[in-house]
PDB file of N, CA and C in Angstrom:
ATOM      1  N   MET A   1      59.257 139.351 -75.208  1.00  0.00           N
ATOM      2  CA  MET A   1      59.451 139.115 -76.672  1.00  0.00           C
ATOM      3  C   MET A   1      58.115 138.974 -77.298  1.00  0.00           C
ATOM      4  N   ASN A   2      57.727 139.808 -78.299  1.00  0.00           N
ATOM      5  CA  ASN A   2      56.344 139.615 -78.804  1.00  0.00           C
ATOM      6  C   ASN A   2      56.381 138.674 -80.057  1.00  0.00           C
ATOM      7  N   ALA A   3      55.339 138.317 -80.532  1.00  0.00           N
ATOM      8  CA  ALA A   3      55.290 137.321 -81.601  1.00  0.00           C
ATOM      9  C   ALA A   3      56.146 137.817 -82.931  1.00  0.00           C
ATOM     10  N   PHE A   4      56.067 139.206 -83.256  1.00  0.00           N
ATOM     11  CA  PHE A   4      56.679 139.715 -84.395  1.00  0.00           C
ATOM     12  C   PHE A   4      58.048 139.628 -84.295  1.00  0.00           C
ATOM     13  N   SER A   5      58.665 139.998 -83.086  1.00  0.00           N
ATOM     14  CA  SER A   5      60.196 139.941 -82.923  1.00  0.00           C
ATOM     15  C   SER A   5      60.630 138.498 -83.034  1.00  0.00           C
ATOM     16  N   LEU A   6      59.721 137.637 -82.514  1.00  0.00           N
ATOM     17  CA  LEU A   6      60.033 136.137 -82.555  1.00  0.00           C
ATOM     18  C   LEU A   6      60.227 135.697 -83.941  1.00  0.00           C
ATOM     19  N   LEU A   7      59.367 136.205 -84.857  1.00  0.00           N
ATOM     20  CA  LEU A   7      59.305 135.686 -86.286  1.00  0.00           C
ATOM     21  C   LEU A   7      60.533 136.338 -86.859  1.00  0.00           C
ATOM     22  N   GLN A   8      61.114 137.520 -86.359  1.00  0.00           N
ATOM     23  CA  GLN A   8      62.182 138.180 -87.087  1.00  0.00           C
ATOM     24  C   GLN A   8      63.589 137.395 -86.729  1.00  0.00           C
ATOM     25  N   THR A   9      63.522 136.684 -85.674  1.00  0.00           N
ATOM     26  CA  THR A   9      64.709 135.945 -85.190  1.00  0.00           C
ATOM     27  C   THR A   9      64.737 134.524 -85.578  1.00  0.00           C
ATOM     28  N   THR A  10      63.648 133.798 -85.991  1.00  0.00           N
ATOM     29  CA  THR A  10      63.455 132.371 -86.006  1.00  0.00           C
ATOM     30  C   THR A  10      63.196 132.333 -87.524  1.00  0.00           C
ATOM     31  N   VAL A  11      63.956 131.263 -88.131  1.00  0.00           N
ATOM     32  CA  VAL A  11      63.804 131.036 -89.398  1.00  0.00           C
ATOM     33  C   VAL A  11      62.553 130.074 -89.526  1.00  0.00           C
ATOM     34  N   CYS A  12      61.589 130.318 -90.525  1.00  0.00           N
ATOM     35  CA  CYS A  12      60.352 129.695 -90.664  1.00  0.00           C
ATOM     36  C   CYS A  12      60.247 129.222 -92.190  1.00  0.00           C
ATOM     37  N   TRP A  13      59.112 128.370 -92.262  1.00  0.00           N
ATOM     38  CA  TRP A  13      58.873 127.822 -93.612  1.00  0.00           C
ATOM     39  C   TRP A  13      57.527 128.590 -94.146  1.00  0.00           C
ATOM     40  N   TRP A  14      57.635 128.863 -95.293  1.00  0.00           N
ATOM     41  CA  TRP A  14      56.577 129.619 -96.053  1.00  0.00           C
ATOM     42  C   TRP A  14      56.128 128.897 -97.320  1.00  0.00           C
ATOM     43  N   VAL A  15      54.802 128.875 -97.679  1.00  0.00           N
ATOM     44  CA  VAL A  15      54.371 128.569 -99.026  1.00  0.00           C
ATOM     45  C   VAL A  15      54.141 129.599 -99.827  1.00  0.00           C
ATOM     46  N   GLU A  16      54.686 129.767-101.024  1.00  0.00           N
ATOM     47  CA  GLU A  16      54.343 130.715-102.040  1.00  0.00           C
ATOM     48  C   GLU A  16      53.596 130.176-103.151  1.00  0.00           C
ATOM     49  N   VAL A  17      52.453 130.510-103.427  1.00  0.00           N
ATOM     50  CA  VAL A  17      51.625 130.067-104.453  1.00  0.00           C
ATOM     51  C   VAL A  17      51.382 131.081-105.501  1.00  0.00           C
ATOM     52  N   SER A  18      51.791 130.921-106.771  1.00  0.00           N
ATOM     53  CA  SER A  18      51.722 131.879-107.902  1.00  0.00           C
ATOM     54  C   SER A  18      50.714 131.325-108.897  1.00  0.00           C
ATOM     55  N   LEU A  19      49.890 132.212-109.406  1.00  0.00           N
ATOM     56  CA  LEU A  19      48.905 131.790-110.374  1.00  0.00           C
ATOM     57  C   LEU A  19      49.299 132.747-111.631  1.00  0.00           C
ATOM     58  N   SER A  20      48.895 132.273-112.858  1.00  0.00           N
ATOM     59  CA  SER A  20      49.092 133.011-114.051  1.00  0.00           C
ATOM     60  C   SER A  20      47.718 133.689-114.399  1.00  0.00           C
ATOM     61  N   ALA A  21      46.678 133.091-114.216  1.00  0.00           N
ATOM     62  CA  ALA A  21      45.414 133.746-114.473  1.00  0.00           C
ATOM     63  C   ALA A  21      44.248 133.148-113.315  1.00  0.00           C
ATOM     64  N   PRO A  22      43.962 134.054-112.589  1.00  0.00           N
ATOM     65  CA  PRO A  22      44.222 135.478-112.385  1.00  0.00           C
ATOM     66  C   PRO A  22      45.737 135.609-112.019  1.00  0.00           C
ATOM     67  N   GLN A  23      46.418 136.611-112.315  1.00  0.00           N
ATOM     68  CA  GLN A  23      47.808 136.736-111.857  1.00  0.00           C
ATOM     69  C   GLN A  23      47.778 137.327-110.517  1.00  0.00           C
ATOM     70  N   HIS A  24      48.305 136.263-109.662  1.00  0.00           N
ATOM     71  CA  HIS A  24      48.313 136.580-108.247  1.00  0.00           C
ATOM     72  C   HIS A  24      49.458 135.856-107.516  1.00  0.00           C
ATOM     73  N   THR A  25      49.862 136.353-106.321  1.00  0.00           N
ATOM     74  CA  THR A  25      50.950 135.414-105.628  1.00  0.00           C
ATOM     75  C   THR A  25      50.338 135.392-104.192  1.00  0.00           C
ATOM     76  N   TYR A  26      50.208 134.265-103.542  1.00  0.00           N
ATOM     77  CA  TYR A  26      49.901 134.188-102.187  1.00  0.00           C
ATOM     78  C   TYR A  26      51.054 133.672-101.379  1.00  0.00           C
ATOM     79  N   HIS A  27      51.236 134.238-100.183  1.00  0.00           N
ATOM     80  CA  HIS A  27      52.345 133.949 -99.206  1.00  0.00           C
ATOM     81  C   HIS A  27      51.608 133.308 -97.983  1.00  0.00           C
ATOM     82  N   LEU A  28      51.892 132.052 -97.670  1.00  0.00           N
ATOM     83  CA  LEU A  28      51.127 131.486 -96.638  1.00  0.00           C
ATOM     84  C   LEU A  28      52.089 131.030 -95.595  1.00  0.00           C
ATOM     85  N   GLY A  29      51.764 131.303 -94.340  1.00  0.00           N
ATOM     86  CA  GLY A  29      52.813 130.900 -93.289  1.00  0.00           C
ATOM     87  C   GLY A  29      52.686 131.903 -92.137  1.00  0.00           C
ATOM     88  N   PRO A  30      53.682 131.808 -91.303  1.00  0.00           N
ATOM     89  CA  PRO A  30      54.701 131.007 -91.232  1.00  0.00           C
ATOM     90  C   PRO A  30      54.343 129.710 -90.749  1.00  0.00           C
ATOM     91  N   PHE A  31      55.170 128.618 -90.976  1.00  0.00           N
ATOM     92  CA  PHE A  31      55.022 127.230 -90.514  1.00  0.00           C
ATOM     93  C   PHE A  31      56.217 126.857 -89.727  1.00  0.00           C
ATOM     94  N   LYS A  32      56.123 125.965 -88.705  1.00  0.00           N
ATOM     95  CA  LYS A  32      57.156 125.618 -87.896  1.00  0.00           C
ATOM     96  C   LYS A  32      58.158 124.558 -88.599  1.00  0.00           C
ATOM     97  N   SER A  33      57.655 123.863 -89.517  1.00  0.00           N
ATOM     98  CA  SER A  33      58.279 122.769 -90.137  1.00  0.00           C
ATOM     99  C   SER A  33      58.104 122.850 -91.651  1.00  0.00           C
ATOM    100  N   ARG A  34      59.002 122.101 -92.498  1.00  0.00           N
ATOM    101  CA  ARG A  34      58.700 121.844 -93.777  1.00  0.00           C
ATOM    102  C   ARG A  34      57.422 121.013 -94.088  1.00  0.00           C
ATOM    103  N   GLU A  35      57.447 119.849 -93.229  1.00  0.00           N
ATOM    104  CA  GLU A  35      56.234 119.049 -93.426  1.00  0.00           C
ATOM    105  C   GLU A  35      54.915 119.770 -93.114  1.00  0.00           C
ATOM    106  N   GLU A  36      54.821 120.626 -92.295  1.00  0.00           N
ATOM    107  CA  GLU A  36      53.476 121.449 -91.901  1.00  0.00           C
ATOM    108  C   GLU A  36      53.312 122.251 -93.140  1.00  0.00           C
ATOM    109  N   ALA A  37      54.253 122.916 -93.791  1.00  0.00           N
ATOM    110  CA  ALA A  37      53.981 123.797 -94.999  1.00  0.00           C
ATOM    111  C   ALA A  37      53.640 122.860 -96.119  1.00  0.00           C
ATOM    112  N   LYS A  38      54.169 121.767 -96.321  1.00  0.00           N
ATOM    113  CA  LYS A  38      53.683 120.823 -97.342  1.00  0.00           C
ATOM    114  C   LYS A  38      52.343 120.334 -97.268  1.00  0.00           C
ATOM    115  N   ARG A  39      51.900 120.119 -95.985  1.00  0.00           N
ATOM    116  CA  ARG A  39      50.400 119.719 -95.703  1.00  0.00           C
ATOM    117  C   ARG A  39      49.470 120.927 -96.179  1.00  0.00           C
ATOM    118  N   SER A  40      49.966 122.100 -95.786  1.00  0.00           N
ATOM    119  CA  SER A  40      49.129 123.311 -96.023  1.00  0.00           C
ATOM    120  C   SER A  40      49.206 123.575 -97.588  1.00  0.00           C
ATOM    121  N   ARG A  41      50.251 123.323 -98.132  1.00  0.00           N
ATOM    122  CA  ARG A  41      50.322 123.608 -99.609  1.00  0.00           C
ATOM    123  C   ARG A  41      49.277 122.744-100.515  1.00  0.00           C
ATOM    124  N   GLY A  42      49.178 121.589-100.117  1.00  0.00           N
ATOM    125  CA  GLY A  42      48.242 120.667-100.780  1.00  0.00           C
ATOM    126  C   GLY A  42      46.773 121.179-100.631  1.00  0.00           C
ATOM    127  N   ALA A  43      46.494 121.506 -99.453  1.00  0.00           N
ATOM    128  CA  ALA A  43      44.990 121.971 -99.236  1.00  0.00           C
ATOM    129  C   ALA A  43      44.678 123.203 -99.957  1.00  0.00           C
ATOM    130  N   HIS A  44      45.619 124.187-100.038  1.00  0.00           N
ATOM    131  CA  HIS A  44      45.525 125.507-100.781  1.00  0.00           C
ATOM    132  C   HIS A  44      45.514 125.337-102.320  1.00  0.00           C
ATOM    133  N   VAL A  45      46.404 124.388-102.793  1.00  0.00           N
ATOM    134  CA  VAL A  45      46.510 124.207-104.187  1.00  0.00           C
ATOM    135  C   VAL A  45      45.126 123.475-104.616  1.00  0.00           C
ATOM    136  N   ASP A  46      44.661 122.611-103.945  1.00  0.00           N
ATOM    137  CA  ASP A  46      43.432 121.883-104.108  1.00  0.00           C
ATOM    138  C   ASP A  46      42.225 122.835-104.334  1.00  0.00           C
ATOM    139  N   THR A  47      42.235 123.714-103.276  1.00  0.00           N
ATOM    140  CA  THR A  47      41.094 124.745-103.400  1.00  0.00           C
ATOM    141  C   THR A  47      41.228 125.595-104.696  1.00  0.00           C
ATOM    142  N   LEU A  48      42.499 126.083-104.936  1.00  0.00           N
ATOM    143  CA  LEU A  48      42.614 126.908-106.186  1.00  0.00           C
ATOM    144  C   LEU A  48      42.335 126.114-107.439  1.00  0.00           C
ATOM    145  N   PHE A  49      42.659 124.841-107.461  1.00  0.00           N
ATOM    146  CA  PHE A  49      42.471 124.063-108.706  1.00  0.00           C
ATOM    147  C   PHE A  49      41.074 123.996-109.068  1.00  0.00           C
ATOM    148  N   HIS A  50      40.184 123.980-108.089  1.00  0.00           N
ATOM    149  CA  HIS A  50      38.688 123.837-108.425  1.00  0.00           C
ATOM    150  C   HIS A  50      38.095 125.143-108.664  1.00  0.00           C
ATOM    151  N   GLN A  51      38.811 126.248-108.654  1.00  0.00           N
ATOM    152  CA  GLN A  51      38.415 127.547-109.077  1.00  0.00           C
ATOM    153  C   GLN A  51      38.942 127.915-110.595  1.00  0.00           C
ATOM    154  N   GLU A  52      38.510 128.952-111.055  1.00  0.00           N
ATOM    155  CA  GLU A  52      38.989 129.122-112.346  1.00  0.00           C
ATOM    156  C   GLU A  52      40.412 129.853-112.461  1.00  0.00           C
ATOM    157  N   THR A  53      41.253 128.921-112.112  1.00  0.00           N
ATOM    158  CA  THR A  53      42.792 129.466-112.067  1.00  0.00           C
ATOM    159  C   THR A  53      43.539 128.506-113.051  1.00  0.00           C
ATOM    160  N   ARG A  54      44.739 129.084-113.574  1.00  0.00           N
ATOM    161  CA  ARG A  54      45.569 128.411-114.466  1.00  0.00           C
ATOM    162  C   ARG A  54      47.088 128.557-113.934  1.00  0.00           C
ATOM    163  N   ASP A  55      47.795 127.573-114.258  1.00  0.00           N
ATOM    164  CA  ASP A  55      49.272 127.545-113.994  1.00  0.00           C
ATOM    165  C   ASP A  55      49.607 127.882-112.558  1.00  0.00           C
ATOM    166  N   ILE A  56      49.150 126.951-111.709  1.00  0.00           N
ATOM    167  CA  ILE A  56      49.381 126.991-110.227  1.00  0.00           C
ATOM    168  C   ILE A  56      50.790 126.586-109.902  1.00  0.00           C
ATOM    169  N   VAL A  57      51.657 127.293-109.288  1.00  0.00           N
ATOM    170  CA  VAL A  57      53.060 126.934-108.881  1.00  0.00           C
ATOM    171  C   VAL A  57      53.127 127.297-107.355  1.00  0.00           C
ATOM    172  N   ALA A  58      53.363 126.090-106.615  1.00  0.00           N
ATOM    173  CA  ALA A  58      53.439 126.301-105.193  1.00  0.00           C
ATOM    174  C   ALA A  58      54.749 125.832-104.809  1.00  0.00           C
ATOM    175  N   LEU A  59      55.499 126.693-104.117  1.00  0.00           N
ATOM    176  CA  LEU A  59      56.935 126.631-103.532  1.00  0.00           C
ATOM    177  C   LEU A  59      56.955 126.682-102.206  1.00  0.00           C
ATOM    178  N   ILE A  60      57.797 125.801-101.505  1.00  0.00           N
ATOM    179  CA  ILE A  60      58.013 125.794-100.153  1.00  0.00           C
ATOM    180  C   ILE A  60      59.420 126.684 -99.956  1.00  0.00           C
ATOM    181  N   LYS A  61      59.361 127.575 -99.146  1.00  0.00           N
ATOM    182  CA  LYS A  61      60.590 128.566 -98.965  1.00  0.00           C
ATOM    183  C   LYS A  61      60.891 128.569 -97.489  1.00  0.00           C
ATOM    184  N   GLN A  62      62.245 128.731 -97.096  1.00  0.00           N
ATOM    185  CA  GLN A  62      62.594 128.970 -95.824  1.00  0.00           C
ATOM    186  C   GLN A  62      63.260 130.346 -95.696  1.00  0.00           C
ATOM    187  N   ARG A  63      62.622 131.114 -94.666  1.00  0.00           N
ATOM    188  CA  ARG A  63      63.212 132.494 -94.471  1.00  0.00           C
ATOM    189  C   ARG A  63      63.507 132.562 -92.994  1.00  0.00           C
TER     190      ARG A  63
END
């Protein structure tokens, strides 16, 4: 079983980060746990906050 087929059969956690300016959506993951995704979310939002971005929305989703 390769990594791609493993991801298809396993439910994983993802971080979806949306910006209004510039308009863009990032999908970060997969993560093994919600806690791991939460830690990653904070680092990415902090990086974007210090750039010229507006209206950062970061959601943790399970797929």
